[in-house]
PDB file of all heavy atoms in Angstrom:
ATOM      1  N   VAL A   1     131.123 120.320  58.109  1.00  0.00           N
ATOM      2  CA  VAL A   1     130.946 119.583  59.359  1.00  0.00           C
ATOM      3  C   VAL A   1     131.107 118.096  59.065  1.00  0.00           C
ATOM      4  O   VAL A   1     130.965 117.644  57.924  1.00  0.00           O
ATOM      5  CB  VAL A   1     129.557 119.837  59.998  1.00  0.00           C
ATOM      6  CG1 VAL A   1     129.421 121.276  60.462  1.00  0.00           C
ATOM      7  CG2 VAL A   1     128.435 119.463  59.057  1.00  0.00           C
ATOM      8  N   ASP A   2     131.404 117.340  60.107  1.00  0.00           N
ATOM      9  CA  ASP A   2     131.503 115.888  59.993  1.00  0.00           C
ATOM     10  C   ASP A   2     130.092 115.344  59.782  1.00  0.00           C
ATOM     11  O   ASP A   2     129.219 115.568  60.620  1.00  0.00           O
ATOM     12  CB  ASP A   2     132.121 115.332  61.274  1.00  0.00           C
ATOM     13  CG  ASP A   2     132.375 113.838  61.235  1.00  0.00           C
ATOM     14  OD1 ASP A   2     131.712 113.120  60.459  1.00  0.00           O
ATOM     15  OD2 ASP A   2     133.234 113.391  62.004  1.00  0.00           O
ATOM     16  N   PRO A   3     129.834 114.623  58.691  1.00  0.00           N
ATOM     17  CA  PRO A   3     128.465 114.138  58.455  1.00  0.00           C
ATOM     18  C   PRO A   3     127.979 113.151  59.520  1.00  0.00           C
ATOM     19  O   PRO A   3     126.775 113.008  59.714  1.00  0.00           O
ATOM     20  CB  PRO A   3     128.544 113.489  57.071  1.00  0.00           C
ATOM     21  CG  PRO A   3     129.982 113.193  56.849  1.00  0.00           C
ATOM     22  CD  PRO A   3     130.744 114.226  57.625  1.00  0.00           C
ATOM     23  N   ALA A   4     128.904 112.523  60.231  1.00  0.00           N
ATOM     24  CA  ALA A   4     128.507 111.601  61.292  1.00  0.00           C
ATOM     25  C   ALA A   4     127.862 112.330  62.468  1.00  0.00           C
ATOM     26  O   ALA A   4     127.193 111.712  63.289  1.00  0.00           O
ATOM     27  CB  ALA A   4     129.715 110.794  61.774  1.00  0.00           C
ATOM     28  N   THR A   5     128.039 113.638  62.553  1.00  0.00           N
ATOM     29  CA  THR A   5     127.452 114.422  63.655  1.00  0.00           C
ATOM     30  C   THR A   5     126.121 115.059  63.266  1.00  0.00           C
ATOM     31  O   THR A   5     125.545 115.785  64.067  1.00  0.00           O
ATOM     32  CB  THR A   5     128.419 115.528  64.118  1.00  0.00           C
ATOM     33  OG1 THR A   5     128.570 116.493  63.076  1.00  0.00           O
ATOM     34  CG2 THR A   5     129.779 114.958  64.516  1.00  0.00           C
ATOM     35  N   LEU A   6     125.652 114.802  62.059  1.00  0.00           N
ATOM     36  CA  LEU A   6     124.419 115.430  61.576  1.00  0.00           C
ATOM     37  C   LEU A   6     123.204 114.548  61.814  1.00  0.00           C
ATOM     38  O   LEU A   6     123.213 113.355  61.504  1.00  0.00           O
ATOM     39  CB  LEU A   6     124.535 115.721  60.079  1.00  0.00           C
ATOM     40  CG  LEU A   6     125.474 116.844  59.704  1.00  0.00           C
ATOM     41  CD1 LEU A   6     125.785 116.816  58.219  1.00  0.00           C
ATOM     42  CD2 LEU A   6     124.882 118.175  60.108  1.00  0.00           C
ATOM     43  N   THR A   7     122.177 115.152  62.350  1.00  0.00           N
ATOM     44  CA  THR A   7     120.854 114.546  62.477  1.00  0.00           C
ATOM     45  C   THR A   7     119.847 115.666  62.227  1.00  0.00           C
ATOM     46  O   THR A   7     120.210 116.843  62.251  1.00  0.00           O
ATOM     47  CB  THR A   7     120.609 113.941  63.877  1.00  0.00           C
ATOM     48  OG1 THR A   7     120.731 114.964  64.855  1.00  0.00           O
ATOM     49  CG2 THR A   7     121.585 112.807  64.187  1.00  0.00           C
ATOM     50  N   PRO A   8     118.593 115.323  61.980  1.00  0.00           N
ATOM     51  CA  PRO A   8     117.604 116.391  61.823  1.00  0.00           C
ATOM     52  C   PRO A   8     117.603 117.299  63.059  1.00  0.00           C
ATOM     53  O   PRO A   8     117.739 116.832  64.194  1.00  0.00           O
ATOM     54  CB  PRO A   8     116.275 115.647  61.702  1.00  0.00           C
ATOM     55  CG  PRO A   8     116.653 114.296  61.193  1.00  0.00           C
ATOM     56  CD  PRO A   8     117.994 114.000  61.811  1.00  0.00           C
ATOM     57  N   ARG A   9     117.508 118.598  62.828  1.00  0.00           N
ATOM     58  CA  ARG A   9     117.444 119.618  63.878  1.00  0.00           C
ATOM     59  C   ARG A   9     118.753 119.778  64.653  1.00  0.00           C
ATOM     60  O   ARG A   9     118.775 120.409  65.690  1.00  0.00           O
ATOM     61  CB  ARG A   9     116.277 119.345  64.839  1.00  0.00           C
ATOM     62  CG  ARG A   9     114.916 119.368  64.142  1.00  0.00           C
ATOM     63  CD  ARG A   9     113.785 118.915  65.036  1.00  0.00           C
ATOM     64  NE  ARG A   9     113.924 117.580  65.607  1.00  0.00           N
ATOM     65  CZ  ARG A   9     113.695 116.439  64.944  1.00  0.00           C
ATOM     66  NH1 ARG A   9     113.316 116.464  63.686  1.00  0.00           N
ATOM     67  NH2 ARG A   9     113.828 115.276  65.546  1.00  0.00           N
ATOM     68  N   THR A  10     119.854 119.216  64.140  1.00  0.00           N
ATOM     69  CA  THR A  10     121.167 119.347  64.778  1.00  0.00           C
ATOM     70  C   THR A  10     122.138 119.944  63.771  1.00  0.00           C
ATOM     71  O   THR A  10     122.253 119.437  62.647  1.00  0.00           O
ATOM     72  CB  THR A  10     121.695 117.971  65.238  1.00  0.00           C
ATOM     73  OG1 THR A  10     120.747 117.383  66.120  1.00  0.00           O
ATOM     74  CG2 THR A  10     123.025 118.105  65.946  1.00  0.00           C
ATOM     75  N   LYS A  11     122.850 121.007  64.163  1.00  0.00           N
ATOM     76  CA  LYS A  11     123.746 121.721  63.247  1.00  0.00           C
ATOM     77  C   LYS A  11     124.901 120.867  62.742  1.00  0.00           C
ATOM     78  O   LYS A  11     125.380 121.077  61.651  1.00  0.00           O
ATOM     79  CB  LYS A  11     124.331 122.957  63.932  1.00  0.00           C
ATOM     80  CG  LYS A  11     123.337 124.051  64.158  1.00  0.00           C
ATOM     81  CD  LYS A  11     123.884 125.351  64.617  1.00  0.00           C
ATOM     82  CE  LYS A  11     125.146 125.395  65.375  1.00  0.00           C
ATOM     83  NZ  LYS A  11     125.536 126.757  65.753  1.00  0.00           N
ATOM     84  N   GLY A  12     125.359 119.940  63.525  1.00  0.00           N
ATOM     85  CA  GLY A  12     126.559 119.192  63.182  1.00  0.00           C
ATOM     86  C   GLY A  12     127.779 119.903  63.726  1.00  0.00           C
ATOM     87  O   GLY A  12     127.709 121.073  64.138  1.00  0.00           O
ATOM     88  N   GLN A  13     128.900 119.206  63.726  1.00  0.00           N
ATOM     89  CA  GLN A  13     130.104 119.745  64.331  1.00  0.00           C
ATOM     90  C   GLN A  13     131.328 119.446  63.493  1.00  0.00           C
ATOM     91  O   GLN A  13     131.359 118.480  62.737  1.00  0.00           O
ATOM     92  CB  GLN A  13     130.319 119.126  65.711  1.00  0.00           C
ATOM     93  CG  GLN A  13     129.219 119.370  66.677  1.00  0.00           C
ATOM     94  CD  GLN A  13     129.451 118.608  67.980  1.00  0.00           C
ATOM     95  OE1 GLN A  13     130.415 117.877  68.146  1.00  0.00           O
ATOM     96  NE2 GLN A  13     128.548 118.801  68.923  1.00  0.00           N
ATOM     97  N   LYS A  14     132.326 120.261  63.695  1.00  0.00           N
ATOM     98  CA  LYS A  14     133.648 119.937  63.177  1.00  0.00           C
ATOM     99  C   LYS A  14     134.258 118.939  64.152  1.00  0.00           C
ATOM    100  O   LYS A  14     134.044 119.040  65.359  1.00  0.00           O
ATOM    101  CB  LYS A  14     134.519 121.182  63.085  1.00  0.00           C
ATOM    102  CG  LYS A  14     134.080 122.120  61.980  1.00  0.00           C
ATOM    103  CD  LYS A  14     135.103 123.209  61.773  1.00  0.00           C
ATOM    104  CE  LYS A  14     134.677 124.162  60.697  1.00  0.00           C
ATOM    105  NZ  LYS A  14     134.708 123.626  59.373  1.00  0.00           N
ATOM    106  N   THR A  15     134.992 117.973  63.631  1.00  0.00           N
ATOM    107  CA  THR A  15     135.657 116.971  64.464  1.00  0.00           C
ATOM    108  C   THR A  15     137.087 116.815  63.979  1.00  0.00           C
ATOM    109  O   THR A  15     137.473 117.397  62.961  1.00  0.00           O
ATOM    110  CB  THR A  15     134.944 115.612  64.364  1.00  0.00           C
ATOM    111  OG1 THR A  15     135.039 115.154  63.010  1.00  0.00           O
ATOM    112  CG2 THR A  15     133.488 115.689  64.802  1.00  0.00           C
ATOM    113  N   GLU A  16     137.840 116.017  64.681  1.00  0.00           N
ATOM    114  CA  GLU A  16     139.202 115.730  64.247  1.00  0.00           C
ATOM    115  C   GLU A  16     139.175 115.151  62.828  1.00  0.00           C
ATOM    116  O   GLU A  16     139.989 115.504  61.990  1.00  0.00           O
ATOM    117  CB  GLU A  16     139.845 114.752  65.233  1.00  0.00           C
ATOM    118  CG  GLU A  16     141.313 114.540  65.014  1.00  0.00           C
ATOM    119  CD  GLU A  16     141.939 113.695  66.107  1.00  0.00           C
ATOM    120  OE1 GLU A  16     141.265 112.809  66.666  1.00  0.00           O
ATOM    121  OE2 GLU A  16     143.118 113.930  66.392  1.00  0.00           O
ATOM    122  N   ARG A  17     138.208 114.285  62.559  1.00  0.00           N
ATOM    123  CA  ARG A  17     138.072 113.690  61.231  1.00  0.00           C
ATOM    124  C   ARG A  17     137.788 114.748  60.167  1.00  0.00           C
ATOM    125  O   ARG A  17     138.411 114.777  59.114  1.00  0.00           O
ATOM    126  CB  ARG A  17     136.950 112.649  61.240  1.00  0.00           C
ATOM    127  CG  ARG A  17     136.668 112.036  59.888  1.00  0.00           C
ATOM    128  CD  ARG A  17     135.615 110.974  60.019  1.00  0.00           C
ATOM    129  NE  ARG A  17     134.382 111.423  59.416  1.00  0.00           N
ATOM    130  CZ  ARG A  17     133.482 110.610  58.908  1.00  0.00           C
ATOM    131  NH1 ARG A  17     133.647 109.312  58.950  1.00  0.00           N
ATOM    132  NH2 ARG A  17     132.392 111.091  58.371  1.00  0.00           N
ATOM    133  N   SER A  18     136.853 115.657  60.453  1.00  0.00           N
ATOM    134  CA  SER A  18     136.499 116.657  59.444  1.00  0.00           C
ATOM    135  C   SER A  18     137.631 117.654  59.204  1.00  0.00           C
ATOM    136  O   SER A  18     137.730 118.225  58.125  1.00  0.00           O
ATOM    137  CB  SER A  18     135.220 117.402  59.834  1.00  0.00           C
ATOM    138  OG  SER A  18     135.420 118.248  60.950  1.00  0.00           O
ATOM    139  N   GLU A  19     138.482 117.836  60.191  1.00  0.00           N
ATOM    140  CA  GLU A  19     139.593 118.770  60.055  1.00  0.00           C
ATOM    141  C   GLU A  19     140.840 118.119  59.452  1.00  0.00           C
ATOM    142  O   GLU A  19     141.882 118.745  59.366  1.00  0.00           O
ATOM    143  CB  GLU A  19     139.928 119.384  61.411  1.00  0.00           C
ATOM    144  CG  GLU A  19     138.852 120.326  61.914  1.00  0.00           C
ATOM    145  CD  GLU A  19     138.675 121.531  61.023  1.00  0.00           C
ATOM    146  OE1 GLU A  19     139.656 122.210  60.718  1.00  0.00           O
ATOM    147  OE2 GLU A  19     137.534 121.774  60.591  1.00  0.00           O
ATOM    148  N   GLY A  20     140.743 116.862  59.059  1.00  0.00           N
ATOM    149  CA  GLY A  20     141.884 116.203  58.422  1.00  0.00           C
ATOM    150  C   GLY A  20     142.701 115.354  59.354  1.00  0.00           C
ATOM    151  O   GLY A  20     143.750 114.844  58.977  1.00  0.00           O
ATOM    152  N   GLY A  21     142.237 115.181  60.573  1.00  0.00           N
ATOM    153  CA  GLY A  21     142.940 114.336  61.516  1.00  0.00           C
ATOM    154  C   GLY A  21     144.213 114.979  62.029  1.00  0.00           C
ATOM    155  O   GLY A  21     144.612 116.042  61.582  1.00  0.00           O
ATOM    156  N   PRO A  22     144.849 114.304  62.954  1.00  0.00           N
ATOM    157  CA  PRO A  22     146.086 114.845  63.506  1.00  0.00           C
ATOM    158  C   PRO A  22     147.199 114.795  62.474  1.00  0.00           C
ATOM    159  O   PRO A  22     147.172 113.975  61.552  1.00  0.00           O
ATOM    160  CB  PRO A  22     146.386 113.920  64.682  1.00  0.00           C
ATOM    161  CG  PRO A  22     145.717 112.635  64.310  1.00  0.00           C
ATOM    162  CD  PRO A  22     144.489 113.024  63.512  1.00  0.00           C
ATOM    163  N   LEU A  23     148.169 115.695  62.631  1.00  0.00           N
ATOM    164  CA  LEU A  23     149.344 115.621  61.776  1.00  0.00           C
ATOM    165  C   LEU A  23     150.050 114.312  62.075  1.00  0.00           C
ATOM    166  O   LEU A  23     150.051 113.828  63.200  1.00  0.00           O
ATOM    167  CB  LEU A  23     150.271 116.806  62.030  1.00  0.00           C
ATOM    168  CG  LEU A  23     149.697 118.165  61.679  1.00  0.00           C
ATOM    169  CD1 LEU A  23     150.672 119.261  62.080  1.00  0.00           C
ATOM    170  CD2 LEU A  23     149.397 118.253  60.200  1.00  0.00           C
ATOM    171  N   SER A  24     150.669 113.749  61.075  1.00  0.00           N
ATOM    172  CA  SER A  24     151.339 112.469  61.243  1.00  0.00           C
ATOM    173  C   SER A  24     152.414 112.558  62.318  1.00  0.00           C
ATOM    174  O   SER A  24     153.218 113.474  62.344  1.00  0.00           O
ATOM    175  CB  SER A  24     151.973 112.035  59.926  1.00  0.00           C
ATOM    176  OG  SER A  24     152.706 110.857  60.128  1.00  0.00           O
ATOM    177  N   THR A  25     152.432 111.575  63.210  1.00  0.00           N
ATOM    178  CA  THR A  25     153.476 111.504  64.224  1.00  0.00           C
ATOM    179  C   THR A  25     154.495 110.437  63.871  1.00  0.00           C
ATOM    180  O   THR A  25     155.370 110.132  64.658  1.00  0.00           O
ATOM    181  CB  THR A  25     152.869 111.197  65.612  1.00  0.00           C
ATOM    182  OG1 THR A  25     152.120 109.983  65.520  1.00  0.00           O
ATOM    183  CG2 THR A  25     151.983 112.330  66.069  1.00  0.00           C
ATOM    184  N   THR A  26     154.373 109.853  62.685  1.00  0.00           N
ATOM    185  CA  THR A  26     155.331 108.856  62.238  1.00  0.00           C
ATOM    186  C   THR A  26     156.605 109.562  61.830  1.00  0.00           C
ATOM    187  O   THR A  26     156.582 110.421  60.955  1.00  0.00           O
ATOM    188  CB  THR A  26     154.763 108.065  61.033  1.00  0.00           C
ATOM    189  OG1 THR A  26     153.498 107.551  61.397  1.00  0.00           O
ATOM    190  CG2 THR A  26     155.714 106.958  60.623  1.00  0.00           C
TER     191      THR A  26
END
């Protein structure tokens, strides 16, 4: 999970950041 989504008593979540972000569009 993304550590920025973690707090006590909260499971946390997967985010775009935790999944490696979007594929490059460059």
